[in-house]
Amino acid sequence: MSTLSLPLPRPTRRAGFGQIVLNEARLTWRRPQGLIGGIALPVLLLVVFSLIPAFRAPAADLGGVSRLSVYVPIMIAFGLALIAFYSLPVPLVSYRELGILRRLSTTPVPPSWLLTRKAWST
């Protein structure tokens, strides 16, 4: 009698990316400075600006749009820039110093996925 042997399923690259995202989310939870600076600061600024009556009034030079409405996309860009400046460089430098990027290059997961994760999670 013969037996049929099936190969073991290989973990997909998508599963590896999911593990990187999960690990980076845990690390971000431990050091939330980037999230606090990138989310709380722009929201706080928008609340302060909304308390100023001149910012809520429609402005003729802006085509009838209030200055607060103009500042919302500016604060979104400001928040994204803060997240990028706080959350991207420091962990990547520490990963390079600790040799994590070199160890990642020996796995099926490319180190570029770490950059992708950093861009989307913080």
Protein backbone atom coordinates (compact mmCIF):
# COMPACT_ATOMS: atom_id res chain seq x y z
CA MET A 1 0.00 0.00 0.00
CA SER A 2 1.30 3.44 -0.83
CA THR A 3 0.65 6.61 1.03
CA LEU A 4 0.13 9.99 -0.42
CA SER A 5 2.35 12.58 1.14
CA LEU A 6 1.41 16.18 0.67
CA PRO A 7 3.95 18.92 1.01
CA LEU A 8 3.61 21.15 4.03
CA PRO A 9 1.93 24.42 3.18
CA ARG A 10 4.42 27.23 2.94
CA PRO A 11 3.54 30.41 4.76
CA THR A 12 2.57 33.01 2.23
CA ARG A 13 4.31 36.31 1.93
CA ARG A 14 1.07 37.99 2.91
CA ALA A 15 1.20 36.24 6.27
CA GLY A 16 4.71 37.59 6.77
CA PHE A 17 3.53 41.11 6.03
CA GLY A 18 0.71 40.66 8.51
CA GLN A 19 3.20 39.61 11.19
CA ILE A 20 5.33 42.68 10.48
CA VAL A 21 2.28 44.95 10.75
CA LEU A 22 1.23 43.29 14.01
CA ASN A 23 4.72 43.61 15.48
CA GLU A 24 5.05 47.24 14.45
CA ALA A 25 1.61 48.03 15.87
CA ARG A 26 2.74 46.60 19.21
CA LEU A 27 5.90 48.69 19.10
CA THR A 28 3.90 51.79 18.22
CA TRP A 29 1.58 51.12 21.14
CA ARG A 30 4.62 51.04 23.45
CA ARG A 31 6.00 54.35 22.13
CA PRO A 32 2.98 56.42 21.09
CA GLN A 33 4.76 59.79 20.69
CA GLY A 34 4.24 59.79 16.93
CA LEU A 35 0.55 59.03 17.22
CA ILE A 36 0.00 61.57 19.95
CA GLY A 37 1.89 64.25 18.07
CA GLY A 38 0.40 63.36 14.71
CA ILE A 39 -3.23 63.00 15.76
CA ALA A 40 -3.79 64.84 19.04
CA LEU A 41 -1.87 68.01 18.17
CA PRO A 42 -3.71 68.79 14.89
CA VAL A 43 -7.07 67.99 16.50
CA LEU A 44 -6.23 70.26 19.43
CA LEU A 45 -5.22 73.04 17.06
CA LEU A 46 -8.47 72.67 15.10
CA VAL A 47 -10.48 72.88 18.33
CA VAL A 48 -8.61 76.03 19.35
CA PHE A 49 -9.08 77.58 15.91
CA SER A 50 -12.78 76.73 15.94
CA LEU A 51 -13.20 78.66 19.20
CA ILE A 52 -12.05 81.87 17.47
CA PRO A 53 -15.12 83.54 15.91
CA ALA A 54 -13.12 85.12 13.06
CA PHE A 55 -12.05 81.66 11.85
CA ARG A 56 -15.65 80.43 11.65
CA ALA A 57 -16.98 83.44 9.72
CA PRO A 58 -17.09 83.18 5.92
CA ALA A 59 -14.29 85.19 4.32
CA ALA A 60 -14.91 87.13 1.12
CA ASP A 61 -11.30 86.75 0.00
CA LEU A 62 -11.68 82.94 0.19
CA GLY A 63 -14.86 82.84 -1.89
CA GLY A 64 -17.25 82.60 1.05
CA VAL A 65 -15.43 79.72 2.73
CA SER A 66 -14.41 80.06 6.37
CA ARG A 67 -10.79 80.10 7.35
CA LEU A 68 -11.38 77.03 9.50
CA SER A 69 -12.49 75.09 6.41
CA VAL A 70 -9.24 76.07 4.73
CA TYR A 71 -7.20 74.93 7.73
CA VAL A 72 -8.67 71.41 7.88
CA PRO A 73 -6.61 70.04 4.92
CA ILE A 74 -3.58 71.95 6.20
CA MET A 75 -3.92 70.24 9.60
CA ILE A 76 -4.33 66.84 7.92
CA ALA A 77 -1.06 67.39 6.03
CA PHE A 78 0.55 68.68 9.24
CA GLY A 79 -0.54 65.55 11.10
CA LEU A 80 0.80 63.25 8.39
CA ALA A 81 4.11 65.13 8.37
CA LEU A 82 4.41 64.85 12.15
CA ILE A 83 3.72 61.12 12.02
CA ALA A 84 6.33 60.71 9.28
CA PHE A 85 8.96 62.72 11.14
CA TYR A 86 8.34 61.10 14.52
CA SER A 87 7.57 57.51 13.61
CA LEU A 88 9.72 56.72 10.60
CA PRO A 89 13.38 57.74 11.06
CA VAL A 90 14.10 56.71 14.66
CA PRO A 91 12.84 53.10 14.44
CA LEU A 92 14.49 52.53 11.07
CA VAL A 93 17.84 53.78 12.34
CA SER A 94 17.57 51.60 15.41
CA TYR A 95 16.61 48.60 13.24
CA ARG A 96 19.72 49.16 11.15
CA GLU A 97 21.95 49.52 14.23
CA LEU A 98 20.53 46.36 15.79
CA GLY A 99 20.90 44.38 12.55
CA ILE A 100 17.19 43.72 12.18
CA LEU A 101 17.17 44.85 8.54
CA ARG A 102 20.02 42.46 7.74
CA ARG A 103 18.18 39.58 9.44
CA LEU A 104 15.00 40.46 7.58
CA SER A 105 16.83 40.18 4.27
CA THR A 106 17.42 36.46 4.95
CA THR A 107 13.68 35.79 5.28
CA PRO A 108 11.15 35.59 2.46
CA VAL A 109 9.83 38.98 3.60
CA PRO A 110 11.75 41.80 1.91
CA PRO A 111 12.96 44.67 4.10
CA SER A 112 11.03 47.10 1.89
CA TRP A 113 7.82 45.81 3.50
CA LEU A 114 9.01 47.37 6.74
CA LEU A 115 9.02 50.74 4.99
CA THR A 116 5.54 50.03 3.64
CA ARG A 117 4.30 49.18 7.12
CA LYS A 118 5.83 52.32 8.56
CA ALA A 119 4.12 54.45 5.96
CA TRP A 120 0.68 52.97 6.63
CA SER A 121 0.60 52.38 10.37
CA THR A 122 1.86 55.57 11.89
